[in-house]
N, C-alpha and C. Protein backbone atom coordinates (compact mmCIF):
# COMPACT_ATOMS: atom_id res chain seq x y z
N MET A 1 0.84 -1.20 0.00
CA MET A 1 0.00 0.00 0.00
C MET A 1 0.89 1.26 0.00
N LYS A 2 0.54 2.18 -0.88
CA LYS A 2 1.32 3.41 -0.96
C LYS A 2 0.96 4.34 0.19
N ARG A 3 1.98 4.98 0.73
CA ARG A 3 1.77 5.95 1.78
C ARG A 3 1.98 7.36 1.22
N PHE A 4 1.03 8.23 1.50
CA PHE A 4 1.13 9.60 1.02
C PHE A 4 1.79 10.46 2.08
N HIS A 5 2.70 11.29 1.64
CA HIS A 5 3.36 12.22 2.55
C HIS A 5 2.36 13.27 3.01
N LEU A 6 2.53 13.76 4.22
CA LEU A 6 1.64 14.77 4.78
C LEU A 6 1.51 15.98 3.87
N SER A 7 2.58 16.34 3.18
CA SER A 7 2.54 17.52 2.31
C SER A 7 1.54 17.35 1.18
N VAL A 8 1.31 16.10 0.75
CA VAL A 8 0.33 15.85 -0.31
C VAL A 8 -1.07 16.21 0.19
N TYR A 9 -1.40 15.75 1.39
CA TYR A 9 -2.71 16.07 1.96
C TYR A 9 -2.86 17.56 2.20
N THR A 10 -1.77 18.19 2.65
CA THR A 10 -1.81 19.64 2.87
C THR A 10 -2.07 20.38 1.57
N SER A 11 -1.43 19.94 0.50
CA SER A 11 -1.62 20.57 -0.81
C SER A 11 -3.04 20.39 -1.30
N LEU A 12 -3.58 19.17 -1.12
CA LEU A 12 -4.96 18.91 -1.55
C LEU A 12 -5.94 19.77 -0.76
N PHE A 13 -5.71 19.87 0.55
CA PHE A 13 -6.59 20.67 1.40
C PHE A 13 -6.55 22.14 1.00
N THR A 14 -5.35 22.63 0.72
CA THR A 14 -5.19 24.02 0.30
C THR A 14 -5.90 24.28 -1.02
N ALA A 15 -5.79 23.32 -1.95
CA ALA A 15 -6.46 23.45 -3.24
C ALA A 15 -7.97 23.48 -3.09
N LEU A 16 -8.49 22.62 -2.19
CA LEU A 16 -9.94 22.59 -1.96
C LEU A 16 -10.42 23.90 -1.34
N LEU A 17 -9.63 24.45 -0.42
CA LEU A 17 -9.99 25.74 0.18
C LEU A 17 -10.02 26.84 -0.87
N SER A 18 -9.06 26.82 -1.79
CA SER A 18 -9.00 27.82 -2.85
C SER A 18 -10.21 27.71 -3.77
N LEU A 19 -10.61 26.49 -4.10
CA LEU A 19 -11.78 26.28 -4.94
C LEU A 19 -13.04 26.76 -4.24
N SER A 20 -13.12 26.46 -2.93
CA SER A 20 -14.29 26.88 -2.16
C SER A 20 -14.38 28.40 -2.10
N ALA A 21 -13.25 29.06 -1.88
CA ALA A 21 -13.23 30.52 -1.82
C ALA A 21 -13.62 31.13 -3.16
N ALA A 22 -13.10 30.55 -4.24
CA ALA A 22 -13.43 31.04 -5.58
C ALA A 22 -14.92 30.89 -5.87
N SER A 23 -15.49 29.75 -5.44
CA SER A 23 -16.92 29.51 -5.65
C SER A 23 -17.75 30.51 -4.86
N ALA A 24 -17.32 30.82 -3.64
CA ALA A 24 -18.06 31.77 -2.79
C ALA A 24 -18.07 33.17 -3.39
N GLU A 25 -17.07 33.50 -4.20
CA GLU A 25 -16.98 34.84 -4.80
C GLU A 25 -17.55 34.90 -6.21
N GLU A 26 -18.04 33.79 -6.71
CA GLU A 26 -18.55 33.75 -8.08
C GLU A 26 -19.74 34.69 -8.25
N GLY A 27 -19.72 35.47 -9.31
CA GLY A 27 -20.83 36.37 -9.61
C GLY A 27 -20.72 37.75 -9.01
N PHE A 28 -19.68 38.01 -8.21
CA PHE A 28 -19.53 39.32 -7.59
C PHE A 28 -18.84 40.30 -8.53
N MET A 29 -19.30 41.55 -8.50
CA MET A 29 -18.74 42.63 -9.30
C MET A 29 -18.03 43.60 -8.37
N PRO A 30 -16.77 43.94 -8.64
CA PRO A 30 -16.08 44.92 -7.79
C PRO A 30 -16.71 46.30 -7.96
N LEU A 31 -16.80 47.05 -6.88
CA LEU A 31 -17.38 48.39 -6.91
C LEU A 31 -16.34 49.48 -7.05
N HIS A 32 -15.07 49.09 -7.10
CA HIS A 32 -13.98 50.04 -7.34
C HIS A 32 -12.76 49.23 -7.72
N THR A 33 -11.75 49.90 -8.22
CA THR A 33 -10.47 49.26 -8.47
C THR A 33 -9.49 49.73 -7.40
N ASP A 34 -8.28 49.21 -7.44
CA ASP A 34 -7.27 49.65 -6.47
C ASP A 34 -6.81 51.08 -6.74
N ALA A 35 -7.13 51.59 -7.93
CA ALA A 35 -6.60 52.90 -8.32
C ALA A 35 -7.65 54.01 -8.37
N ASP A 36 -8.90 53.66 -8.63
CA ASP A 36 -9.89 54.73 -8.76
C ASP A 36 -11.28 54.28 -8.32
N ALA A 37 -12.17 55.26 -8.27
CA ALA A 37 -13.54 55.03 -7.81
C ALA A 37 -14.52 55.21 -8.96
N SER A 38 -14.18 54.68 -10.12
CA SER A 38 -15.08 54.76 -11.27
C SER A 38 -16.45 54.21 -10.89
N GLY A 39 -17.50 54.94 -11.28
CA GLY A 39 -18.85 54.50 -10.96
C GLY A 39 -19.44 55.21 -9.75
N TRP A 40 -18.59 55.90 -8.96
CA TRP A 40 -19.06 56.62 -7.79
C TRP A 40 -19.08 58.12 -8.06
N ASP A 41 -19.94 58.83 -7.35
CA ASP A 41 -19.91 60.29 -7.40
C ASP A 41 -18.56 60.80 -6.92
N LYS A 42 -18.21 62.00 -7.37
CA LYS A 42 -16.99 62.62 -6.86
C LYS A 42 -17.11 62.83 -5.36
N GLY A 43 -16.03 62.58 -4.66
CA GLY A 43 -16.06 62.66 -3.21
C GLY A 43 -15.76 61.33 -2.56
N VAL A 44 -15.87 60.25 -3.35
CA VAL A 44 -15.41 58.94 -2.92
C VAL A 44 -14.00 58.76 -3.48
N HIS A 45 -13.05 58.47 -2.63
CA HIS A 45 -11.65 58.41 -3.03
C HIS A 45 -11.09 57.01 -2.82
N VAL A 46 -10.22 56.59 -3.75
CA VAL A 46 -9.55 55.30 -3.62
C VAL A 46 -8.05 55.52 -3.74
N LYS A 47 -7.30 55.02 -2.78
CA LYS A 47 -5.85 55.06 -2.82
C LYS A 47 -5.33 53.74 -2.26
N ASP A 48 -4.53 53.06 -3.06
CA ASP A 48 -3.97 51.76 -2.66
C ASP A 48 -5.06 50.79 -2.25
N GLY A 49 -6.20 50.87 -2.94
CA GLY A 49 -7.30 49.95 -2.68
C GLY A 49 -8.20 50.32 -1.53
N LEU A 50 -7.89 51.41 -0.81
CA LEU A 50 -8.68 51.82 0.34
C LEU A 50 -9.65 52.93 -0.07
N VAL A 51 -10.90 52.78 0.31
CA VAL A 51 -11.96 53.71 -0.08
C VAL A 51 -12.31 54.60 1.11
N THR A 52 -12.33 55.91 0.88
CA THR A 52 -12.73 56.87 1.91
C THR A 52 -13.69 57.88 1.27
N GLY A 53 -14.27 58.70 2.11
CA GLY A 53 -15.21 59.70 1.60
C GLY A 53 -16.58 59.47 2.17
N GLY A 54 -17.53 60.23 1.68
CA GLY A 54 -18.88 60.06 2.19
C GLY A 54 -19.88 60.97 1.53
N GLY A 55 -21.15 60.65 1.73
CA GLY A 55 -22.23 61.42 1.14
C GLY A 55 -22.31 61.25 -0.36
N ARG A 56 -21.82 60.11 -0.85
CA ARG A 56 -21.77 59.88 -2.29
C ARG A 56 -22.37 58.53 -2.65
N TYR A 57 -22.83 58.44 -3.90
CA TYR A 57 -23.56 57.25 -4.34
C TYR A 57 -22.93 56.62 -5.58
N HIS A 58 -23.19 55.32 -5.73
CA HIS A 58 -22.78 54.62 -6.93
C HIS A 58 -23.79 54.93 -8.04
N ALA A 59 -23.32 54.93 -9.28
CA ALA A 59 -24.17 55.35 -10.39
C ALA A 59 -25.28 54.34 -10.70
N LYS A 60 -25.09 53.09 -10.33
CA LYS A 60 -26.04 52.04 -10.66
C LYS A 60 -27.02 51.81 -9.53
N GLN A 61 -28.27 51.53 -9.87
CA GLN A 61 -29.26 51.16 -8.87
C GLN A 61 -29.27 49.64 -8.69
N PHE A 62 -29.54 49.23 -7.44
CA PHE A 62 -29.59 47.81 -7.12
C PHE A 62 -30.90 47.49 -6.41
N SER A 63 -31.38 46.28 -6.62
CA SER A 63 -32.61 45.82 -5.98
C SER A 63 -32.29 44.76 -4.94
N ASP A 64 -32.22 43.49 -5.35
CA ASP A 64 -31.83 42.40 -4.46
C ASP A 64 -30.36 42.06 -4.71
N PHE A 65 -29.60 41.88 -3.65
CA PHE A 65 -28.15 41.73 -3.83
C PHE A 65 -27.49 41.15 -2.59
N VAL A 66 -26.24 40.76 -2.77
CA VAL A 66 -25.33 40.47 -1.67
C VAL A 66 -24.17 41.45 -1.80
N LEU A 67 -23.92 42.20 -0.76
CA LEU A 67 -22.84 43.18 -0.73
C LEU A 67 -21.80 42.71 0.29
N ARG A 68 -20.53 42.73 -0.12
CA ARG A 68 -19.45 42.35 0.79
C ARG A 68 -18.37 43.43 0.79
N PHE A 69 -17.80 43.66 1.95
CA PHE A 69 -16.70 44.62 2.05
C PHE A 69 -15.97 44.42 3.37
N ASP A 70 -14.76 44.96 3.43
CA ASP A 70 -14.00 45.05 4.67
C ASP A 70 -14.03 46.50 5.12
N PHE A 71 -13.95 46.72 6.42
CA PHE A 71 -13.91 48.09 6.92
C PHE A 71 -13.02 48.16 8.16
N ARG A 72 -12.43 49.33 8.36
CA ARG A 72 -11.57 49.57 9.51
C ARG A 72 -11.97 50.89 10.15
N LEU A 73 -12.17 50.87 11.46
CA LEU A 73 -12.65 52.03 12.19
C LEU A 73 -11.52 52.70 12.97
N THR A 74 -11.53 54.01 13.01
CA THR A 74 -10.70 54.76 13.94
C THR A 74 -11.56 55.10 15.16
N ALA A 75 -10.95 55.60 16.22
CA ALA A 75 -11.70 55.94 17.43
C ALA A 75 -12.78 56.97 17.12
N GLY A 76 -14.01 56.66 17.48
CA GLY A 76 -15.12 57.58 17.29
C GLY A 76 -15.64 57.68 15.87
N ALA A 77 -15.21 56.78 15.00
CA ALA A 77 -15.60 56.84 13.58
C ALA A 77 -17.11 56.70 13.41
N ASN A 78 -17.62 57.39 12.39
CA ASN A 78 -19.05 57.37 12.11
C ASN A 78 -19.28 57.47 10.61
N SER A 79 -19.91 56.47 10.05
CA SER A 79 -20.27 56.49 8.64
C SER A 79 -21.54 55.65 8.49
N GLY A 80 -21.81 55.22 7.29
CA GLY A 80 -22.98 54.39 7.04
C GLY A 80 -22.98 53.91 5.62
N ILE A 81 -23.73 52.86 5.37
CA ILE A 81 -23.94 52.35 4.02
C ILE A 81 -25.41 52.53 3.69
N GLY A 82 -25.69 53.30 2.65
CA GLY A 82 -27.06 53.47 2.20
C GLY A 82 -27.41 52.40 1.19
N ILE A 83 -28.57 51.80 1.33
CA ILE A 83 -29.02 50.81 0.35
C ILE A 83 -30.44 51.15 -0.11
N ARG A 84 -30.70 50.90 -1.38
CA ARG A 84 -31.99 51.21 -2.01
C ARG A 84 -32.40 52.65 -1.70
N ALA A 85 -31.44 53.52 -1.73
CA ALA A 85 -31.68 54.91 -1.36
C ALA A 85 -32.04 55.76 -2.57
N ALA A 86 -32.72 56.88 -2.31
CA ALA A 86 -33.03 57.86 -3.35
C ALA A 86 -31.96 58.94 -3.33
N ARG A 87 -31.52 59.37 -4.50
CA ARG A 87 -30.56 60.46 -4.57
C ARG A 87 -31.21 61.77 -4.09
N GLY A 88 -30.39 62.57 -3.42
CA GLY A 88 -30.88 63.87 -3.00
C GLY A 88 -31.66 63.87 -1.70
N GLY A 89 -31.82 62.69 -1.11
CA GLY A 89 -32.56 62.61 0.15
C GLY A 89 -31.66 62.14 1.28
N ASN A 90 -32.28 61.73 2.35
CA ASN A 90 -31.58 61.17 3.50
C ASN A 90 -31.75 59.66 3.44
N ALA A 91 -30.65 58.94 3.22
CA ALA A 91 -30.74 57.49 3.01
C ALA A 91 -31.43 56.77 4.15
N ALA A 92 -31.29 57.28 5.38
CA ALA A 92 -31.91 56.61 6.53
C ALA A 92 -33.42 56.62 6.46
N PHE A 93 -33.99 57.55 5.70
CA PHE A 93 -35.43 57.68 5.62
C PHE A 93 -35.97 57.47 4.21
N ASP A 94 -35.14 57.78 3.20
CA ASP A 94 -35.56 57.62 1.81
C ASP A 94 -34.99 56.34 1.21
N GLY A 95 -34.71 55.39 2.05
CA GLY A 95 -34.15 54.09 1.70
C GLY A 95 -33.84 53.41 3.01
N MET A 96 -32.64 52.87 3.15
CA MET A 96 -32.17 52.33 4.42
C MET A 96 -30.73 52.74 4.64
N GLU A 97 -30.40 52.99 5.91
CA GLU A 97 -29.01 53.22 6.27
C GLU A 97 -28.56 52.15 7.24
N LEU A 98 -27.46 51.47 6.90
CA LEU A 98 -26.85 50.50 7.79
C LEU A 98 -25.72 51.22 8.52
N GLN A 99 -25.79 51.26 9.83
CA GLN A 99 -24.82 52.00 10.62
C GLN A 99 -23.41 51.40 10.48
N VAL A 100 -22.43 52.28 10.36
CA VAL A 100 -21.01 51.91 10.43
C VAL A 100 -20.42 52.83 11.50
N LEU A 101 -20.22 52.28 12.68
CA LEU A 101 -19.96 53.12 13.84
C LEU A 101 -19.00 52.45 14.82
N GLU A 102 -18.11 53.25 15.38
CA GLU A 102 -17.20 52.78 16.42
C GLU A 102 -17.92 52.95 17.76
N ASN A 103 -18.62 51.91 18.19
CA ASN A 103 -19.55 52.01 19.30
C ASN A 103 -18.94 52.36 20.66
N THR A 104 -17.65 52.08 20.84
CA THR A 104 -17.07 52.18 22.18
C THR A 104 -16.65 53.60 22.56
N ALA A 105 -16.69 54.53 21.63
CA ALA A 105 -16.28 55.90 21.92
C ALA A 105 -17.17 56.52 23.00
N ARG A 106 -16.57 57.30 23.90
CA ARG A 106 -17.32 57.91 25.00
C ARG A 106 -18.47 58.78 24.51
N LYS A 107 -18.25 59.42 23.37
CA LYS A 107 -19.30 60.33 22.87
C LYS A 107 -20.56 59.57 22.42
N TYR A 108 -20.46 58.26 22.28
CA TYR A 108 -21.61 57.45 21.87
C TYR A 108 -22.21 56.66 23.03
N LYS A 109 -21.90 57.05 24.27
CA LYS A 109 -22.34 56.24 25.41
C LYS A 109 -23.86 56.27 25.62
N LYS A 110 -24.55 57.22 24.98
CA LYS A 110 -26.00 57.30 25.14
C LYS A 110 -26.74 56.96 23.84
N LEU A 111 -26.16 56.07 23.06
CA LEU A 111 -26.80 55.66 21.81
C LEU A 111 -28.14 54.97 22.05
N GLU A 112 -29.05 55.17 21.11
CA GLU A 112 -30.26 54.35 21.09
C GLU A 112 -29.88 52.96 20.56
N LYS A 113 -30.67 51.95 20.87
CA LYS A 113 -30.33 50.59 20.47
C LYS A 113 -30.27 50.42 18.96
N TRP A 114 -30.98 51.25 18.23
CA TRP A 114 -31.00 51.15 16.77
C TRP A 114 -29.93 52.00 16.10
N GLN A 115 -28.98 52.52 16.91
CA GLN A 115 -27.89 53.32 16.35
C GLN A 115 -26.54 52.57 16.36
N TYR A 116 -26.48 51.40 16.98
CA TYR A 116 -25.22 50.68 17.04
C TYR A 116 -24.85 50.08 15.68
N HIS A 117 -23.57 49.74 15.54
CA HIS A 117 -23.06 49.26 14.25
C HIS A 117 -23.91 48.13 13.68
N GLY A 118 -24.21 48.27 12.39
CA GLY A 118 -24.95 47.25 11.66
C GLY A 118 -26.45 47.40 11.70
N SER A 119 -26.95 48.24 12.62
CA SER A 119 -28.39 48.44 12.71
C SER A 119 -28.95 49.07 11.44
N ILE A 120 -30.19 48.75 11.12
CA ILE A 120 -30.93 49.49 10.10
C ILE A 120 -31.47 50.71 10.83
N TYR A 121 -30.88 51.85 10.56
CA TYR A 121 -31.08 53.05 11.36
C TYR A 121 -32.57 53.35 11.59
N GLY A 122 -32.96 53.36 12.86
CA GLY A 122 -34.32 53.72 13.22
C GLY A 122 -35.33 52.61 13.08
N VAL A 123 -34.91 51.45 12.56
CA VAL A 123 -35.88 50.41 12.20
C VAL A 123 -35.58 49.07 12.89
N VAL A 124 -34.34 48.62 12.81
CA VAL A 124 -33.96 47.32 13.39
C VAL A 124 -32.65 47.48 14.15
N ALA A 125 -32.62 47.07 15.40
CA ALA A 125 -31.41 47.12 16.20
C ALA A 125 -30.55 45.89 15.95
N ALA A 126 -29.25 46.11 15.76
CA ALA A 126 -28.32 45.01 15.53
C ALA A 126 -27.85 44.42 16.85
N LYS A 127 -27.51 43.14 16.81
CA LYS A 127 -26.84 42.52 17.96
C LYS A 127 -25.45 43.13 18.09
N ARG A 128 -24.98 43.24 19.30
CA ARG A 128 -23.69 43.87 19.55
C ARG A 128 -22.62 42.83 19.90
N GLY A 129 -21.35 43.26 19.79
CA GLY A 129 -20.26 42.40 20.20
C GLY A 129 -19.50 41.74 19.07
N ALA A 130 -19.84 42.03 17.82
CA ALA A 130 -19.18 41.38 16.68
C ALA A 130 -17.96 42.14 16.19
N LEU A 131 -17.84 43.42 16.53
CA LEU A 131 -16.74 44.23 16.01
C LEU A 131 -15.40 43.86 16.65
N LYS A 132 -14.35 43.92 15.86
CA LYS A 132 -13.00 43.74 16.36
C LYS A 132 -12.51 45.05 16.98
N PRO A 133 -11.42 45.02 17.74
CA PRO A 133 -10.91 46.26 18.35
C PRO A 133 -10.61 47.34 17.31
N VAL A 134 -10.69 48.58 17.74
CA VAL A 134 -10.43 49.73 16.87
C VAL A 134 -9.08 49.56 16.17
N GLY A 135 -9.08 49.81 14.86
CA GLY A 135 -7.85 49.73 14.08
C GLY A 135 -7.67 48.41 13.36
N GLU A 136 -8.47 47.39 13.70
CA GLU A 136 -8.38 46.10 13.01
C GLU A 136 -9.43 46.04 11.90
N TRP A 137 -9.13 45.24 10.89
CA TRP A 137 -10.06 45.07 9.78
C TRP A 137 -11.21 44.13 10.16
N ASN A 138 -12.41 44.52 9.77
CA ASN A 138 -13.62 43.72 9.94
C ASN A 138 -14.17 43.35 8.57
N THR A 139 -14.91 42.27 8.49
CA THR A 139 -15.61 41.90 7.26
C THR A 139 -17.11 42.06 7.48
N GLU A 140 -17.80 42.46 6.44
CA GLU A 140 -19.26 42.60 6.54
C GLU A 140 -19.92 42.09 5.27
N GLU A 141 -21.06 41.46 5.45
CA GLU A 141 -21.88 41.00 4.32
C GLU A 141 -23.31 41.45 4.56
N VAL A 142 -23.91 42.02 3.53
CA VAL A 142 -25.30 42.46 3.58
C VAL A 142 -26.07 41.72 2.50
N ILE A 143 -27.15 41.06 2.90
CA ILE A 143 -28.01 40.36 1.95
C ILE A 143 -29.36 41.05 1.96
N ALA A 144 -29.77 41.56 0.81
CA ALA A 144 -31.08 42.20 0.67
C ALA A 144 -31.89 41.41 -0.36
N LYS A 145 -32.94 40.78 0.11
CA LYS A 145 -33.80 39.98 -0.76
C LYS A 145 -35.24 40.32 -0.43
N GLY A 146 -35.85 41.15 -1.28
CA GLY A 146 -37.19 41.64 -0.96
C GLY A 146 -37.14 42.43 0.34
N ASN A 147 -38.03 42.10 1.25
CA ASN A 147 -38.07 42.78 2.55
C ASN A 147 -37.16 42.14 3.59
N HIS A 148 -36.47 41.10 3.20
CA HIS A 148 -35.60 40.38 4.14
C HIS A 148 -34.18 40.94 4.06
N ILE A 149 -33.69 41.43 5.17
CA ILE A 149 -32.35 42.02 5.25
C ILE A 149 -31.53 41.26 6.29
N VAL A 150 -30.34 40.81 5.87
CA VAL A 150 -29.42 40.11 6.77
C VAL A 150 -28.10 40.88 6.76
N VAL A 151 -27.54 41.10 7.94
CA VAL A 151 -26.22 41.73 8.07
C VAL A 151 -25.34 40.80 8.89
N LYS A 152 -24.17 40.49 8.34
CA LYS A 152 -23.19 39.66 9.05
C LYS A 152 -21.90 40.45 9.22
N VAL A 153 -21.34 40.42 10.42
CA VAL A 153 -20.06 41.07 10.71
C VAL A 153 -19.12 40.03 11.30
N ASN A 154 -17.98 39.87 10.63
CA ASN A 154 -16.99 38.89 11.07
C ASN A 154 -17.60 37.50 11.27
N GLY A 155 -18.51 37.16 10.35
CA GLY A 155 -19.14 35.85 10.36
C GLY A 155 -20.33 35.71 11.28
N GLN A 156 -20.63 36.73 12.08
CA GLN A 156 -21.76 36.67 13.00
C GLN A 156 -22.97 37.40 12.40
N VAL A 157 -24.13 36.77 12.47
CA VAL A 157 -25.36 37.43 12.02
C VAL A 157 -25.80 38.41 13.10
N ILE A 158 -25.83 39.69 12.75
CA ILE A 158 -26.23 40.71 13.73
C ILE A 158 -27.59 41.33 13.41
N VAL A 159 -28.06 41.14 12.18
CA VAL A 159 -29.41 41.55 11.78
C VAL A 159 -29.98 40.46 10.88
N ASP A 160 -31.19 40.04 11.17
CA ASP A 160 -31.93 39.09 10.32
C ASP A 160 -33.39 39.48 10.47
N ALA A 161 -33.86 40.32 9.56
CA ALA A 161 -35.16 40.95 9.79
C ALA A 161 -35.98 41.08 8.52
N ASP A 162 -37.29 41.05 8.69
CA ASP A 162 -38.26 41.42 7.66
C ASP A 162 -38.64 42.87 7.97
N ILE A 163 -38.22 43.80 7.11
CA ILE A 163 -38.42 45.22 7.42
C ILE A 163 -39.90 45.62 7.39
N ALA A 164 -40.71 44.90 6.60
CA ALA A 164 -42.14 45.20 6.59
C ALA A 164 -42.75 44.79 7.92
N GLU A 165 -42.36 43.65 8.42
CA GLU A 165 -42.86 43.17 9.71
C GLU A 165 -42.35 44.07 10.84
N ALA A 166 -41.07 44.47 10.75
CA ALA A 166 -40.47 45.29 11.80
C ALA A 166 -41.12 46.66 11.92
N SER A 167 -41.70 47.15 10.82
CA SER A 167 -42.24 48.52 10.81
C SER A 167 -43.76 48.57 10.74
N LYS A 168 -44.42 47.42 10.80
CA LYS A 168 -45.88 47.41 10.58
C LYS A 168 -46.65 48.20 11.64
N ASP A 169 -46.12 48.25 12.86
CA ASP A 169 -46.78 49.02 13.93
C ASP A 169 -46.01 50.31 14.24
N GLY A 170 -45.20 50.73 13.29
CA GLY A 170 -44.37 51.92 13.47
C GLY A 170 -42.93 51.53 13.72
N THR A 171 -42.01 52.40 13.34
CA THR A 171 -40.59 52.11 13.51
C THR A 171 -40.14 52.39 14.94
N ILE A 172 -39.03 51.79 15.35
CA ILE A 172 -38.62 51.90 16.75
C ILE A 172 -38.09 53.30 17.11
N ASP A 173 -37.77 54.11 16.11
CA ASP A 173 -37.38 55.49 16.42
C ASP A 173 -38.58 56.44 16.42
N GLY A 174 -39.77 55.90 16.10
CA GLY A 174 -40.99 56.69 16.13
C GLY A 174 -41.13 57.67 14.98
N LYS A 175 -40.27 57.52 13.95
CA LYS A 175 -40.31 58.45 12.83
C LYS A 175 -40.80 57.74 11.56
N LYS A 176 -41.19 58.54 10.59
CA LYS A 176 -41.62 57.99 9.31
C LYS A 176 -40.40 57.69 8.45
N HIS A 177 -40.43 56.56 7.79
CA HIS A 177 -39.37 56.15 6.88
C HIS A 177 -40.03 55.83 5.53
N PRO A 178 -40.38 56.87 4.77
CA PRO A 178 -41.17 56.66 3.56
C PRO A 178 -40.50 55.80 2.49
N GLY A 179 -39.16 55.72 2.51
CA GLY A 179 -38.47 54.93 1.49
C GLY A 179 -38.06 53.55 1.95
N LEU A 180 -38.49 53.16 3.15
CA LEU A 180 -38.02 51.89 3.73
C LEU A 180 -38.29 50.69 2.84
N LEU A 181 -39.46 50.64 2.21
CA LEU A 181 -39.84 49.47 1.43
C LEU A 181 -39.59 49.64 -0.07
N ARG A 182 -38.73 50.57 -0.42
CA ARG A 182 -38.35 50.71 -1.83
C ARG A 182 -37.78 49.40 -2.34
N LYS A 183 -38.12 49.05 -3.56
CA LYS A 183 -37.63 47.80 -4.14
C LYS A 183 -36.28 47.95 -4.81
N GLU A 184 -35.90 49.20 -5.13
CA GLU A 184 -34.65 49.45 -5.85
C GLU A 184 -34.14 50.83 -5.47
N GLY A 185 -32.84 51.01 -5.52
CA GLY A 185 -32.28 52.32 -5.24
C GLY A 185 -30.78 52.30 -5.30
N TYR A 186 -30.18 53.40 -4.85
CA TYR A 186 -28.74 53.58 -4.96
C TYR A 186 -28.01 53.10 -3.71
N LEU A 187 -26.77 52.71 -3.94
CA LEU A 187 -25.86 52.30 -2.88
C LEU A 187 -24.98 53.49 -2.54
N GLY A 188 -24.86 53.82 -1.26
CA GLY A 188 -24.10 55.00 -0.88
C GLY A 188 -23.13 54.76 0.26
N ILE A 189 -22.03 55.53 0.26
CA ILE A 189 -21.14 55.65 1.41
C ILE A 189 -21.47 57.00 2.04
N LEU A 190 -21.94 57.01 3.29
CA LEU A 190 -22.64 58.18 3.79
C LEU A 190 -21.81 59.16 4.60
N GLY A 191 -20.66 58.76 5.08
CA GLY A 191 -19.79 59.74 5.73
C GLY A 191 -20.08 59.97 7.19
N HIS A 192 -20.81 61.03 7.53
CA HIS A 192 -21.16 61.42 8.90
C HIS A 192 -19.92 61.74 9.75
N GLY A 193 -18.90 62.25 9.15
CA GLY A 193 -17.70 62.58 9.91
C GLY A 193 -16.53 61.69 9.59
N GLY A 194 -16.81 60.55 9.00
CA GLY A 194 -15.73 59.70 8.50
C GLY A 194 -14.99 58.92 9.56
N GLY A 195 -13.69 58.72 9.29
CA GLY A 195 -12.89 57.89 10.16
C GLY A 195 -12.99 56.41 9.84
N VAL A 196 -13.54 56.10 8.67
CA VAL A 196 -13.72 54.71 8.25
C VAL A 196 -13.04 54.50 6.91
N GLU A 197 -12.30 53.41 6.80
CA GLU A 197 -11.74 52.98 5.52
C GLU A 197 -12.44 51.70 5.09
N PHE A 198 -12.76 51.63 3.79
CA PHE A 198 -13.36 50.44 3.22
C PHE A 198 -12.40 49.84 2.20
N ARG A 199 -12.50 48.56 1.97
CA ARG A 199 -11.75 47.91 0.91
C ARG A 199 -12.53 46.69 0.42
N LYS A 200 -12.14 46.22 -0.77
CA LYS A 200 -12.71 45.00 -1.35
C LYS A 200 -14.23 45.07 -1.42
N MET A 201 -14.77 46.21 -1.79
CA MET A 201 -16.22 46.35 -1.92
C MET A 201 -16.67 45.67 -3.20
N ARG A 202 -17.60 44.73 -3.08
CA ARG A 202 -18.10 44.01 -4.24
C ARG A 202 -19.54 43.61 -4.01
N ILE A 203 -20.27 43.39 -5.11
CA ILE A 203 -21.70 43.14 -5.02
C ILE A 203 -22.11 42.09 -6.03
N LYS A 204 -23.09 41.29 -5.65
CA LYS A 204 -23.67 40.31 -6.57
C LYS A 204 -25.16 40.54 -6.59
N GLU A 205 -25.70 40.79 -7.77
CA GLU A 205 -27.15 40.99 -7.89
C GLU A 205 -27.85 39.64 -7.86
N LEU A 206 -28.97 39.58 -7.16
CA LEU A 206 -29.78 38.37 -7.05
C LEU A 206 -30.98 38.49 -7.97
N LYS A 207 -31.26 37.45 -8.65
CA LYS A 207 -32.38 37.46 -9.60
C LYS A 207 -33.59 36.73 -9.02
């Protein structure tokens, strides 16, 4: 009987992992290159693959999708990701805003539960505790399929909600969100003071 050296099994395992990773990324479209922010409004900047800026939108509208990106927070950082948003409005009300926030800063000690990182602003509160320490890279995945919104941070599901169900008796912030149930809209990096770097932003449209 032939005996296989450990390195053979290691090589096979590595190859299988590479195939699995490639399969997981199949169908995704990059939202920027390492050199520029083509497709975004002016004000979104890319340098060495890192995306900064805010209050700007991608030129294409999206309906159902999976969005993936990495992000890194500085102390007190505040930004957001707008999804299915209307141009010229406030994404948190004319679409949805997913919070991107450094929760541990002293200035945020009186946050409402729907303001913590990953929350659908004013509508659904995210579970806490998934963020890595300030300065480390985090991964995030957003799945939008009809009224079903899922947010994962570092592999943990922090939001899994039906937004129609969540808002049927009014939103948790007590305000009107006229664009909440929009079926299609723009993707935005919202800013709010910044302090956030994004990288590897990519999206797959769901049919």
